[in-house]
Protein backbone atom coordinates (compact mmCIF):
# COMPACT_ATOMS: atom_id res chain seq x y z
CA UNK A 1 0.00 0.00 0.00
CA UNK A 2 1.21 3.49 -0.86
CA UNK A 3 -0.41 6.49 0.81
CA UNK A 4 0.28 10.09 -0.19
CA UNK A 5 0.01 12.80 2.46
CA UNK A 6 -0.23 16.43 1.32
CA UNK A 7 -0.34 19.51 3.53
CA UNK A 8 -1.86 22.68 2.06
CA UNK A 9 -1.73 26.27 3.31
CA UNK A 10 -3.10 29.28 1.43
CA UNK A 11 -4.04 27.06 -1.54
CA UNK A 12 -0.43 25.86 -1.89
CA UNK A 13 1.18 22.51 -1.30
CA UNK A 14 3.63 23.06 1.56
CA UNK A 15 4.59 19.47 2.47
CA UNK A 16 4.21 16.16 0.76
CA UNK A 17 5.31 12.66 1.67
CA UNK A 18 4.45 9.12 0.60
CA UNK A 19 4.35 6.21 3.03
CA UNK A 20 4.70 2.65 1.79
CA UNK A 21 3.59 -0.39 3.77
CA UNK A 22 3.61 -3.78 2.09
CA UNK A 23 3.27 -5.77 5.31
CA UNK A 24 0.59 -8.39 5.93
CA UNK A 25 -1.31 -6.11 8.33
CA UNK A 26 -4.92 -5.11 7.69
CA UNK A 27 -5.75 -2.07 5.56
CA UNK A 28 -6.98 -0.18 8.63
CA UNK A 29 -3.82 -0.91 10.58
CA UNK A 30 -1.65 0.24 7.67
CA UNK A 31 -3.58 3.51 7.37
CA UNK A 32 -3.43 4.28 11.10
CA UNK A 33 0.29 3.44 11.19
CA UNK A 34 0.92 5.71 8.19
CA UNK A 35 -1.03 8.58 9.79
CA UNK A 36 1.00 8.16 12.98
CA UNK A 37 4.27 8.16 11.01
CA UNK A 38 3.32 11.31 9.08
CA UNK A 39 2.16 13.12 12.19
CA UNK A 40 5.56 12.43 13.74
CA UNK A 41 7.35 13.49 10.55
CA UNK A 42 5.28 16.70 10.15
CA UNK A 43 5.34 17.37 13.94
CA UNK A 44 1.55 17.22 14.30
CA UNK A 45 -0.86 15.82 16.83
CA UNK A 46 -2.92 12.90 15.59
CA UNK A 47 -6.12 13.95 13.84
CA UNK A 48 -9.52 12.76 15.01
CA UNK A 49 -11.38 10.72 12.40
CA UNK A 50 -14.87 12.20 12.15
CA UNK A 51 -17.73 10.22 10.59
CA UNK A 52 -17.47 12.36 7.46
CA UNK A 53 -13.78 11.45 7.10
CA UNK A 54 -14.46 7.75 7.50
CA UNK A 55 -17.28 7.76 4.93
CA UNK A 56 -15.29 9.77 2.39
CA UNK A 57 -12.21 7.59 2.86
CA UNK A 58 -14.21 4.37 2.48
CA UNK A 59 -15.90 5.69 -0.67
CA UNK A 60 -13.00 7.40 -2.46
CA UNK A 61 -9.78 6.40 -0.59
CA UNK A 62 -9.21 10.14 -0.01
CA UNK A 63 -9.99 12.44 2.90
CA UNK A 64 -8.97 15.80 4.33
CA UNK A 65 -8.24 16.72 7.92
CA UNK A 66 -8.97 20.36 8.78
CA UNK A 67 -8.82 22.30 12.05
CA UNK A 68 -11.97 20.42 13.17
CA UNK A 69 -9.94 17.20 13.25
CA UNK A 70 -7.15 18.50 15.49
CA UNK A 71 -7.24 19.38 19.18
CA UNK A 72 -4.40 21.90 18.92
CA UNK A 73 -4.19 24.87 16.55
CA UNK A 74 -2.75 24.08 13.13
CA UNK A 75 -0.87 26.49 10.86
CA UNK A 76 -2.14 25.03 7.58
CA UNK A 77 -5.52 24.68 5.87
CA UNK A 78 -5.78 20.90 5.62
CA UNK A 79 -3.90 17.62 5.48
CA UNK A 80 -5.04 15.32 2.68
CA UNK A 81 -4.61 11.55 2.61
CA UNK A 82 -4.80 9.73 -0.70
CA UNK A 83 -4.30 5.99 -1.19
CA UNK A 84 -2.25 5.62 -4.36
CA UNK A 85 -1.87 1.86 -4.48
CA UNK A 86 -3.36 -1.03 -2.55
CA UNK A 87 -1.92 -4.51 -2.14
PDB file of N, CA and C in Angstrom:
ATOM      1  N   UNK A   1       0.845  -1.178   0.000  1.00  0.00           N
ATOM      2  CA  UNK A   1       0.000   0.000   0.000  1.00  0.00           C
ATOM      3  C   UNK A   1       0.887   1.237   0.000  1.00  0.00           C
ATOM      4  N   UNK A   2       0.523   2.196  -0.833  1.00  0.00           N
ATOM      5  CA  UNK A   2       1.210   3.489  -0.856  1.00  0.00           C
ATOM      6  C   UNK A   2       0.187   4.577  -0.561  1.00  0.00           C
ATOM      7  N   UNK A   3       0.497   5.428   0.409  1.00  0.00           N
ATOM      8  CA  UNK A   3      -0.409   6.490   0.811  1.00  0.00           C
ATOM      9  C   UNK A   3       0.324   7.816   0.701  1.00  0.00           C
ATOM     10  N   UNK A   4      -0.306   8.764   0.038  1.00  0.00           N
ATOM     11  CA  UNK A   4       0.278  10.090  -0.191  1.00  0.00           C
ATOM     12  C   UNK A   4      -0.362  11.079   0.770  1.00  0.00           C
ATOM     13  N   UNK A   5       0.455  11.769   1.525  1.00  0.00           N
ATOM     14  CA  UNK A   5       0.011  12.797   2.461  1.00  0.00           C
ATOM     15  C   UNK A   5       0.437  14.154   1.913  1.00  0.00           C
ATOM     16  N   UNK A   6      -0.512  15.093   1.841  1.00  0.00           N
ATOM     17  CA  UNK A   6      -0.227  16.427   1.324  1.00  0.00           C
ATOM     18  C   UNK A   6      -0.780  17.460   2.293  1.00  0.00           C
ATOM     19  N   UNK A   7       0.060  18.424   2.641  1.00  0.00           N
ATOM     20  CA  UNK A   7      -0.345  19.509   3.527  1.00  0.00           C
ATOM     21  C   UNK A   7      -0.452  20.789   2.710  1.00  0.00           C
ATOM     22  N   UNK A   8      -1.601  21.461   2.817  1.00  0.00           N
ATOM     23  CA  UNK A   8      -1.859  22.675   2.064  1.00  0.00           C
ATOM     24  C   UNK A   8      -2.062  23.862   3.000  1.00  0.00           C
ATOM     25  N   UNK A   9      -1.513  25.003   2.607  1.00  0.00           N
ATOM     26  CA  UNK A   9      -1.725  26.275   3.312  1.00  0.00           C
ATOM     27  C   UNK A   9      -1.852  27.363   2.253  1.00  0.00           C
ATOM     28  N   UNK A  10      -2.851  28.190   2.385  1.00  0.00           N
ATOM     29  CA  UNK A  10      -3.098  29.280   1.433  1.00  0.00           C
ATOM     30  C   UNK A  10      -3.144  28.774  -0.006  1.00  0.00           C
ATOM     31  N   UNK A  11      -3.849  27.668  -0.216  1.00  0.00           N
ATOM     32  CA  UNK A  11      -4.040  27.061  -1.543  1.00  0.00           C
ATOM     33  C   UNK A  11      -2.736  26.595  -2.193  1.00  0.00           C
ATOM     34  N   UNK A  12      -1.719  26.348  -1.373  1.00  0.00           N
ATOM     35  CA  UNK A  12      -0.429  25.858  -1.891  1.00  0.00           C
ATOM     36  C   UNK A  12      -0.019  24.591  -1.163  1.00  0.00           C
ATOM     37  N   UNK A  13       0.610  23.711  -1.891  1.00  0.00           N
ATOM     38  CA  UNK A  13       1.177  22.511  -1.304  1.00  0.00           C
ATOM     39  C   UNK A  13       2.435  22.907  -0.541  1.00  0.00           C
ATOM     40  N   UNK A  14       2.464  22.667   0.771  1.00  0.00           N
ATOM     41  CA  UNK A  14       3.633  23.062   1.563  1.00  0.00           C
ATOM     42  C   UNK A  14       4.474  21.867   2.003  1.00  0.00           C
ATOM     43  N   UNK A  15       3.853  20.692   2.133  1.00  0.00           N
ATOM     44  CA  UNK A  15       4.590  19.475   2.470  1.00  0.00           C
ATOM     45  C   UNK A  15       3.912  18.311   1.781  1.00  0.00           C
ATOM     46  N   UNK A  16       4.732  17.343   1.422  1.00  0.00           N
ATOM     47  CA  UNK A  16       4.214  16.161   0.757  1.00  0.00           C
ATOM     48  C   UNK A  16       5.126  14.987   1.082  1.00  0.00           C
ATOM     49  N   UNK A  17       4.520  13.855   1.382  1.00  0.00           N
ATOM     50  CA  UNK A  17       5.313  12.663   1.670  1.00  0.00           C
ATOM     51  C   UNK A  17       4.473  11.426   1.369  1.00  0.00           C
ATOM     52  N   UNK A  18       5.121  10.385   0.884  1.00  0.00           N
ATOM     53  CA  UNK A  18       4.451   9.123   0.596  1.00  0.00           C
ATOM     54  C   UNK A  18       4.950   8.073   1.577  1.00  0.00           C
ATOM     55  N   UNK A  19       4.020   7.300   2.111  1.00  0.00           N
ATOM     56  CA  UNK A  19       4.350   6.212   3.028  1.00  0.00           C
ATOM     57  C   UNK A  19       4.001   4.904   2.340  1.00  0.00           C
ATOM     58  N   UNK A  20       4.928   3.973   2.374  1.00  0.00           N
ATOM     59  CA  UNK A  20       4.702   2.650   1.792  1.00  0.00           C
ATOM     60  C   UNK A  20       4.650   1.621   2.901  1.00  0.00           C
ATOM     61  N   UNK A  21       3.719   0.694   2.792  1.00  0.00           N
ATOM     62  CA  UNK A  21       3.588  -0.391   3.767  1.00  0.00           C
ATOM     63  C   UNK A  21       3.088  -1.614   3.022  1.00  0.00           C
ATOM     64  N   UNK A  22       3.974  -2.564   2.795  1.00  0.00           N
ATOM     65  CA  UNK A  22       3.613  -3.781   2.094  1.00  0.00           C
ATOM     66  C   UNK A  22       3.612  -4.982   3.037  1.00  0.00           C
ATOM     67  N   UNK A  23       3.337  -4.706   4.316  1.00  0.00           N
ATOM     68  CA  UNK A  23       3.271  -5.765   5.312  1.00  0.00           C
ATOM     69  C   UNK A  23       1.969  -6.548   5.150  1.00  0.00           C
ATOM     70  N   UNK A  24       1.791  -7.548   5.970  1.00  0.00           N
ATOM     71  CA  UNK A  24       0.594  -8.386   5.930  1.00  0.00           C
ATOM     72  C   UNK A  24      -0.502  -7.876   6.871  1.00  0.00           C
ATOM     73  N   UNK A  25      -0.324  -6.691   7.413  1.00  0.00           N
ATOM     74  CA  UNK A  25      -1.312  -6.113   8.325  1.00  0.00           C
ATOM     75  C   UNK A  25      -2.597  -5.763   7.567  1.00  0.00           C
ATOM     76  N   UNK A  26      -3.652  -5.493   8.311  1.00  0.00           N
ATOM     77  CA  UNK A  26      -4.923  -5.115   7.693  1.00  0.00           C
ATOM     78  C   UNK A  26      -4.812  -3.711   7.094  1.00  0.00           C
ATOM     79  N   UNK A  27      -5.734  -3.389   6.188  1.00  0.00           N
ATOM     80  CA  UNK A  27      -5.750  -2.066   5.560  1.00  0.00           C
ATOM     81  C   UNK A  27      -5.871  -0.974   6.619  1.00  0.00           C
ATOM     82  N   UNK A  28      -6.767  -1.164   7.567  1.00  0.00           N
ATOM     83  CA  UNK A  28      -6.985  -0.178   8.630  1.00  0.00           C
ATOM     84  C   UNK A  28      -5.722   0.043   9.440  1.00  0.00           C
ATOM     85  N   UNK A  29      -5.050  -1.030   9.799  1.00  0.00           N
ATOM     86  CA  UNK A  29      -3.819  -0.911  10.579  1.00  0.00           C
ATOM     87  C   UNK A  29      -2.751  -0.160   9.797  1.00  0.00           C
ATOM     88  N   UNK A  30      -2.633  -0.438   8.515  1.00  0.00           N
ATOM     89  CA  UNK A  30      -1.646   0.242   7.672  1.00  0.00           C
ATOM     90  C   UNK A  30      -1.934   1.739   7.599  1.00  0.00           C
ATOM     91  N   UNK A  31      -3.210   2.096   7.472  1.00  0.00           N
ATOM     92  CA  UNK A  31      -3.584   3.510   7.370  1.00  0.00           C
ATOM     93  C   UNK A  31      -3.290   4.235   8.680  1.00  0.00           C
ATOM     94  N   UNK A  32      -3.698   3.652   9.803  1.00  0.00           N
ATOM     95  CA  UNK A  32      -3.435   4.283  11.100  1.00  0.00           C
ATOM     96  C   UNK A  32      -1.938   4.401  11.374  1.00  0.00           C
ATOM     97  N   UNK A  33      -1.163   3.393  11.003  1.00  0.00           N
ATOM     98  CA  UNK A  33       0.290   3.443  11.187  1.00  0.00           C
ATOM     99  C   UNK A  33       0.904   4.535  10.311  1.00  0.00           C
ATOM    100  N   UNK A  34       0.408   4.670   9.098  1.00  0.00           N
ATOM    101  CA  UNK A  34       0.915   5.710   8.186  1.00  0.00           C
ATOM    102  C   UNK A  34       0.579   7.099   8.711  1.00  0.00           C
ATOM    103  N   UNK A  35      -0.632   7.289   9.223  1.00  0.00           N
ATOM    104  CA  UNK A  35      -1.027   8.582   9.786  1.00  0.00           C
ATOM    105  C   UNK A  35      -0.128   8.913  10.974  1.00  0.00           C
ATOM    106  N   UNK A  36       0.131   7.940  11.825  1.00  0.00           N
ATOM    107  CA  UNK A  36       1.000   8.160  12.980  1.00  0.00           C
ATOM    108  C   UNK A  36       2.414   8.544  12.534  1.00  0.00           C
ATOM    109  N   UNK A  37       2.923   7.864  11.524  1.00  0.00           N
ATOM    110  CA  UNK A  37       4.269   8.157  11.010  1.00  0.00           C
ATOM    111  C   UNK A  37       4.345   9.575  10.442  1.00  0.00           C
ATOM    112  N   UNK A  38       3.335   9.976   9.675  1.00  0.00           N
ATOM    113  CA  UNK A  38       3.322  11.309   9.078  1.00  0.00           C
ATOM    114  C   UNK A  38       3.174  12.380  10.139  1.00  0.00           C
ATOM    115  N   UNK A  39       2.334  12.139  11.121  1.00  0.00           N
ATOM    116  CA  UNK A  39       2.161  13.122  12.191  1.00  0.00           C
ATOM    117  C   UNK A  39       3.477  13.338  12.926  1.00  0.00           C
ATOM    118  N   UNK A  40       4.242  12.289  13.122  1.00  0.00           N
ATOM    119  CA  UNK A  40       5.561  12.429  13.744  1.00  0.00           C
ATOM    120  C   UNK A  40       6.494  13.201  12.809  1.00  0.00           C
ATOM    121  N   UNK A  41       6.482  12.850  11.536  1.00  0.00           N
ATOM    122  CA  UNK A  41       7.349  13.493  10.549  1.00  0.00           C
ATOM    123  C   UNK A  41       7.020  14.978  10.376  1.00  0.00           C
ATOM    124  N   UNK A  42       5.724  15.310  10.338  1.00  0.00           N
ATOM    125  CA  UNK A  42       5.285  16.696  10.153  1.00  0.00           C
ATOM    126  C   UNK A  42       5.151  17.446  11.483  1.00  0.00           C
ATOM    127  N   UNK A  43       5.451  16.793  12.598  1.00  0.00           N
ATOM    128  CA  UNK A  43       5.341  17.372  13.943  1.00  0.00           C
ATOM    129  C   UNK A  43       3.917  17.860  14.232  1.00  0.00           C
ATOM    130  N   UNK A  44       2.971  16.939  14.074  1.00  0.00           N
ATOM    131  CA  UNK A  44       1.549  17.220  14.296  1.00  0.00           C
ATOM    132  C   UNK A  44       0.988  16.294  15.359  1.00  0.00           C
ATOM    133  N   UNK A  45      -0.092  16.732  16.005  1.00  0.00           N
ATOM    134  CA  UNK A  45      -0.862  15.822  16.831  1.00  0.00           C
ATOM    135  C   UNK A  45      -1.683  14.938  15.913  1.00  0.00           C
ATOM    136  N   UNK A  46      -2.114  13.796  16.416  1.00  0.00           N
ATOM    137  CA  UNK A  46      -2.918  12.897  15.588  1.00  0.00           C
ATOM    138  C   UNK A  46      -4.303  13.499  15.359  1.00  0.00           C
ATOM    139  N   UNK A  47      -4.782  13.433  14.121  1.00  0.00           N
ATOM    140  CA  UNK A  47      -6.119  13.949  13.839  1.00  0.00           C
ATOM    141  C   UNK A  47      -7.194  12.994  14.343  1.00  0.00           C
ATOM    142  N   UNK A  48      -8.354  13.548  14.598  1.00  0.00           N
ATOM    143  CA  UNK A  48      -9.518  12.761  15.008  1.00  0.00           C
ATOM    144  C   UNK A  48     -10.301  12.423  13.741  1.00  0.00           C
ATOM    145  N   UNK A  49     -10.603  11.152  13.562  1.00  0.00           N
ATOM    146  CA  UNK A  49     -11.384  10.722  12.395  1.00  0.00           C
ATOM    147  C   UNK A  49     -12.854  10.962  12.692  1.00  0.00           C
ATOM    148  N   UNK A  50     -13.451  11.934  12.033  1.00  0.00           N
ATOM    149  CA  UNK A  50     -14.875  12.199  12.150  1.00  0.00           C
ATOM    150  C   UNK A  50     -15.637  11.262  11.214  1.00  0.00           C
ATOM    151  N   UNK A  51     -16.922  11.108  11.441  1.00  0.00           N
ATOM    152  CA  UNK A  51     -17.726  10.221  10.585  1.00  0.00           C
ATOM    153  C   UNK A  51     -17.621  10.605   9.111  1.00  0.00           C
ATOM    154  N   UNK A  52     -17.580  11.902   8.853  1.00  0.00           N
ATOM    155  CA  UNK A  52     -17.474  12.360   7.459  1.00  0.00           C
ATOM    156  C   UNK A  52     -16.153  11.917   6.826  1.00  0.00           C
ATOM    157  N   UNK A  53     -15.065  11.916   7.612  1.00  0.00           N
ATOM    158  CA  UNK A  53     -13.776  11.453   7.097  1.00  0.00           C
ATOM    159  C   UNK A  53     -13.816   9.961   6.777  1.00  0.00           C
ATOM    160  N   UNK A  54     -14.394   9.198   7.683  1.00  0.00           N
ATOM    161  CA  UNK A  54     -14.465   7.746   7.498  1.00  0.00           C
ATOM    162  C   UNK A  54     -15.272   7.411   6.244  1.00  0.00           C
ATOM    163  N   UNK A  55     -16.435   8.037   6.093  1.00  0.00           N
ATOM    164  CA  UNK A  55     -17.283   7.761   4.927  1.00  0.00           C
ATOM    165  C   UNK A  55     -16.593   8.146   3.624  1.00  0.00           C
ATOM    166  N   UNK A  56     -15.982   9.319   3.599  1.00  0.00           N
ATOM    167  CA  UNK A  56     -15.292   9.765   2.387  1.00  0.00           C
ATOM    168  C   UNK A  56     -14.119   8.841   2.064  1.00  0.00           C
ATOM    169  N   UNK A  57     -13.371   8.442   3.081  1.00  0.00           N
ATOM    170  CA  UNK A  57     -12.213   7.586   2.863  1.00  0.00           C
ATOM    171  C   UNK A  57     -12.638   6.201   2.373  1.00  0.00           C
ATOM    172  N   UNK A  58     -13.713   5.673   2.920  1.00  0.00           N
ATOM    173  CA  UNK A  58     -14.209   4.369   2.476  1.00  0.00           C
ATOM    174  C   UNK A  58     -14.700   4.438   1.029  1.00  0.00           C
ATOM    175  N   UNK A  59     -15.321   5.542   0.661  1.00  0.00           N
ATOM    176  CA  UNK A  59     -15.902   5.693  -0.672  1.00  0.00           C
ATOM    177  C   UNK A  59     -14.854   6.006  -1.739  1.00  0.00           C
ATOM    178  N   UNK A  60     -13.915   6.905  -1.428  1.00  0.00           N
ATOM    179  CA  UNK A  60     -12.996   7.404  -2.462  1.00  0.00           C
ATOM    180  C   UNK A  60     -11.518   7.146  -2.192  1.00  0.00           C
ATOM    181  N   UNK A  61     -11.175   6.620  -1.004  1.00  0.00           N
ATOM    182  CA  UNK A  61      -9.784   6.401  -0.587  1.00  0.00           C
ATOM    183  C   UNK A  61      -9.022   7.723  -0.488  1.00  0.00           C
ATOM    184  N   UNK A  62      -9.773   8.798  -0.197  1.00  0.00           N
ATOM    185  CA  UNK A  62      -9.208  10.140  -0.013  1.00  0.00           C
ATOM    186  C   UNK A  62      -9.992  10.826   1.094  1.00  0.00           C
ATOM    187  N   UNK A  63      -9.298  11.593   1.936  1.00  0.00           N
ATOM    188  CA  UNK A  63      -9.989  12.441   2.900  1.00  0.00           C
ATOM    189  C   UNK A  63      -9.092  13.597   3.297  1.00  0.00           C
ATOM    190  N   UNK A  64      -9.708  14.616   3.880  1.00  0.00           N
ATOM    191  CA  UNK A  64      -8.971  15.801   4.331  1.00  0.00           C
ATOM    192  C   UNK A  64      -9.218  16.019   5.817  1.00  0.00           C
ATOM    193  N   UNK A  65      -8.149  16.341   6.516  1.00  0.00           N
ATOM    194  CA  UNK A  65      -8.242  16.716   7.923  1.00  0.00           C
ATOM    195  C   UNK A  65      -8.043  18.223   8.029  1.00  0.00           C
ATOM    196  N   UNK A  66      -9.023  18.906   8.586  1.00  0.00           N
ATOM    197  CA  UNK A  66      -8.970  20.357   8.780  1.00  0.00           C
ATOM    198  C   UNK A  66      -8.818  20.654  10.265  1.00  0.00           C
ATOM    199  N   UNK A  67      -8.931  21.912  10.637  1.00  0.00           N
ATOM    200  CA  UNK A  67      -8.820  22.305  12.046  1.00  0.00           C
ATOM    201  C   UNK A  67      -9.803  21.525  12.925  1.00  0.00           C
ATOM    202  N   UNK A  68     -10.969  21.178  12.404  1.00  0.00           N
ATOM    203  CA  UNK A  68     -11.966  20.422  13.173  1.00  0.00           C
ATOM    204  C   UNK A  68     -11.460  19.054  13.615  1.00  0.00           C
ATOM    205  N   UNK A  69     -10.461  18.521  12.936  1.00  0.00           N
ATOM    206  CA  UNK A  69      -9.938  17.201  13.245  1.00  0.00           C
ATOM    207  C   UNK A  69      -8.792  17.215  14.244  1.00  0.00           C
ATOM    208  N   UNK A  70      -8.295  18.392  14.592  1.00  0.00           N
ATOM    209  CA  UNK A  70      -7.149  18.496  15.489  1.00  0.00           C
ATOM    210  C   UNK A  70      -7.542  19.199  16.778  1.00  0.00           C
ATOM    211  N   UNK A  71      -6.979  18.752  17.882  1.00  0.00           N
ATOM    212  CA  UNK A  71      -7.236  19.377  19.176  1.00  0.00           C
ATOM    213  C   UNK A  71      -6.483  20.697  19.275  1.00  0.00           C
ATOM    214  N   UNK A  72      -5.216  20.697  18.853  1.00  0.00           N
ATOM    215  CA  UNK A  72      -4.401  21.904  18.915  1.00  0.00           C
ATOM    216  C   UNK A  72      -4.579  22.742  17.649  1.00  0.00           C
ATOM    217  N   UNK A  73      -4.152  23.988  17.718  1.00  0.00           N
ATOM    218  CA  UNK A  73      -4.186  24.875  16.547  1.00  0.00           C
ATOM    219  C   UNK A  73      -3.219  24.362  15.492  1.00  0.00           C
ATOM    220  N   UNK A  74      -3.631  24.464  14.231  1.00  0.00           N
ATOM    221  CA  UNK A  74      -2.746  24.084  13.129  1.00  0.00           C
ATOM    222  C   UNK A  74      -2.443  25.327  12.300  1.00  0.00           C
ATOM    223  N   UNK A  75      -1.284  25.332  11.651  1.00  0.00           N
ATOM    224  CA  UNK A  75      -0.871  26.492  10.860  1.00  0.00           C
ATOM    225  C   UNK A  75      -0.964  26.222   9.352  1.00  0.00           C
ATOM    226  N   UNK A  76      -1.893  25.354   8.980  1.00  0.00           N
ATOM    227  CA  UNK A  76      -2.141  25.025   7.580  1.00  0.00           C
ATOM    228  C   UNK A  76      -3.645  24.872   7.398  1.00  0.00           C
ATOM    229  N   UNK A  77      -4.086  24.782   6.148  1.00  0.00           N
ATOM    230  CA  UNK A  77      -5.520  24.680   5.870  1.00  0.00           C
ATOM    231  C   UNK A  77      -6.055  23.261   6.058  1.00  0.00           C
ATOM    232  N   UNK A  78      -5.342  22.293   5.462  1.00  0.00           N
ATOM    233  CA  UNK A  78      -5.782  20.904   5.616  1.00  0.00           C
ATOM    234  C   UNK A  78      -4.648  19.940   5.268  1.00  0.00           C
ATOM    235  N   UNK A  79      -4.793  18.725   5.780  1.00  0.00           N
ATOM    236  CA  UNK A  79      -3.898  17.616   5.480  1.00  0.00           C
ATOM    237  C   UNK A  79      -4.731  16.601   4.716  1.00  0.00           C
ATOM    238  N   UNK A  80      -4.286  16.259   3.517  1.00  0.00           N
ATOM    239  CA  UNK A  80      -5.037  15.318   2.678  1.00  0.00           C
ATOM    240  C   UNK A  80      -4.329  13.980   2.636  1.00  0.00           C
ATOM    241  N   UNK A  81      -5.114  12.927   2.704  1.00  0.00           N
ATOM    242  CA  UNK A  81      -4.613  11.554   2.609  1.00  0.00           C
ATOM    243  C   UNK A  81      -5.209  10.952   1.344  1.00  0.00           C
ATOM    244  N   UNK A  82      -4.348  10.328   0.561  1.00  0.00           N
ATOM    245  CA  UNK A  82      -4.800   9.728  -0.704  1.00  0.00           C
ATOM    246  C   UNK A  82      -4.098   8.385  -0.885  1.00  0.00           C
ATOM    247  N   UNK A  83      -4.874   7.318  -0.942  1.00  0.00           N
ATOM    248  CA  UNK A  83      -4.298   5.990  -1.194  1.00  0.00           C
ATOM    249  C   UNK A  83      -3.973   5.890  -2.670  1.00  0.00           C
ATOM    250  N   UNK A  84      -2.702   5.716  -2.971  1.00  0.00           N
ATOM    251  CA  UNK A  84      -2.252   5.625  -4.362  1.00  0.00           C
ATOM    252  C   UNK A  84      -2.309   4.211  -4.894  1.00  0.00           C
ATOM    253  N   UNK A  85      -1.979   3.251  -4.032  1.00  0.00           N
ATOM    254  CA  UNK A  85      -1.866   1.862  -4.477  1.00  0.00           C
ATOM    255  C   UNK A  85      -2.212   0.948  -3.310  1.00  0.00           C
ATOM    256  N   UNK A  86      -3.023  -0.039  -3.574  1.00  0.00           N
ATOM    257  CA  UNK A  86      -3.361  -1.030  -2.554  1.00  0.00           C
ATOM    258  C   UNK A  86      -2.757  -2.373  -2.928  1.00  0.00           C
ATOM    259  N   UNK A  87      -2.508  -3.182  -1.917  1.00  0.00           N
ATOM    260  CA  UNK A  87      -1.922  -4.512  -2.140  1.00  0.00           C
ATOM    261  C   UNK A  87      -2.887  -5.408  -2.880  1.00  0.00           C
TER     262      UNK A  87
END
